Amino acid sequence: MDQNERVKVLLKQCSFIVKRLLENGYLAESLNQHKFEQLKKILEEQEKKKEESGKGK
C-alpha cells in the first residue's frame, strides 16, 4: 500500500468517525446549527460521490 492509499484510508476513517459523532450529537453542541447541517450535508455528498466512483470501477 503506497502513501496515497494510506491517506485515502485514513481520510475515509476520519470522515466516518466525524459523521457518527455528528449523528450522535457529540459535536452539535460546539457547532451552531447552521454549521452542523452544512457539515453533515457535505459528508453525505462525499459519501455519494465515493459510492458512485466505486460503481464505475
Protein backbone atom coordinates (compact mmCIF):
# COMPACT_ATOMS: atom_id res chain seq x y z
CA MET A 1 0.00 0.00 0.00
CA ASP A 2 1.55 3.30 -1.04
CA GLN A 3 1.27 6.58 0.84
CA ASN A 4 -1.65 7.89 -1.24
CA GLU A 5 -3.71 4.78 -0.50
CA ARG A 6 -2.93 5.06 3.22
CA VAL A 7 -4.02 8.71 3.21
CA LYS A 8 -7.28 7.81 1.45
CA VAL A 9 -8.00 5.09 4.03
CA LEU A 10 -7.27 7.45 6.93
CA LEU A 11 -9.49 10.19 5.45
CA LYS A 12 -12.30 7.69 4.96
CA GLN A 13 -11.96 6.54 8.57
CA CYS A 14 -11.89 10.13 9.85
CA SER A 15 -14.97 11.15 7.87
CA PHE A 16 -16.78 8.03 9.12
CA ILE A 17 -15.92 8.90 12.75
CA VAL A 18 -16.91 12.57 12.35
CA LYS A 19 -20.17 11.54 10.69
CA ARG A 20 -21.01 9.19 13.57
CA LEU A 21 -20.17 11.89 16.13
CA LEU A 22 -22.42 14.33 14.29
CA GLU A 23 -25.27 11.82 14.12
CA ASN A 24 -24.93 11.15 17.84
CA GLY A 25 -24.88 14.86 18.66
CA TYR A 26 -21.43 14.96 20.29
CA LEU A 27 -20.21 17.78 18.05
CA ALA A 28 -23.57 19.52 17.64
CA GLU A 29 -23.23 21.47 20.90
CA SER A 30 -19.92 23.04 19.91
CA LEU A 31 -21.13 23.98 16.43
CA ASN A 32 -24.04 26.25 15.70
CA GLN A 33 -26.98 24.57 13.98
CA HIS A 34 -26.25 26.03 10.54
CA LYS A 35 -22.65 24.78 10.52
CA PHE A 36 -23.81 21.42 11.84
CA GLU A 37 -26.27 20.97 8.96
CA GLN A 38 -23.72 22.24 6.44
CA LEU A 39 -21.04 19.78 7.58
CA LYS A 40 -23.49 16.88 7.62
CA LYS A 41 -24.61 17.73 4.07
CA ILE A 42 -21.00 17.88 2.84
CA LEU A 43 -20.23 14.49 4.37
CA GLU A 44 -23.33 12.96 2.78
CA GLU A 45 -22.35 14.36 -0.63
CA GLN A 46 -18.83 12.94 -0.29
CA GLU A 47 -20.32 9.56 0.62
CA LYS A 48 -22.49 9.61 -2.53
CA LYS A 49 -19.50 10.52 -4.72
CA LYS A 50 -17.48 7.66 -3.22
CA GLU A 51 -20.31 5.20 -3.88
CA GLU A 52 -20.71 6.44 -7.48
CA SER A 53 -16.98 6.25 -8.19
CA GLY A 54 -16.87 2.78 -6.65
CA LYS A 55 -19.59 1.56 -9.02
CA GLY A 56 -17.67 2.84 -12.05
CA LYS A 57 -14.63 0.71 -11.28
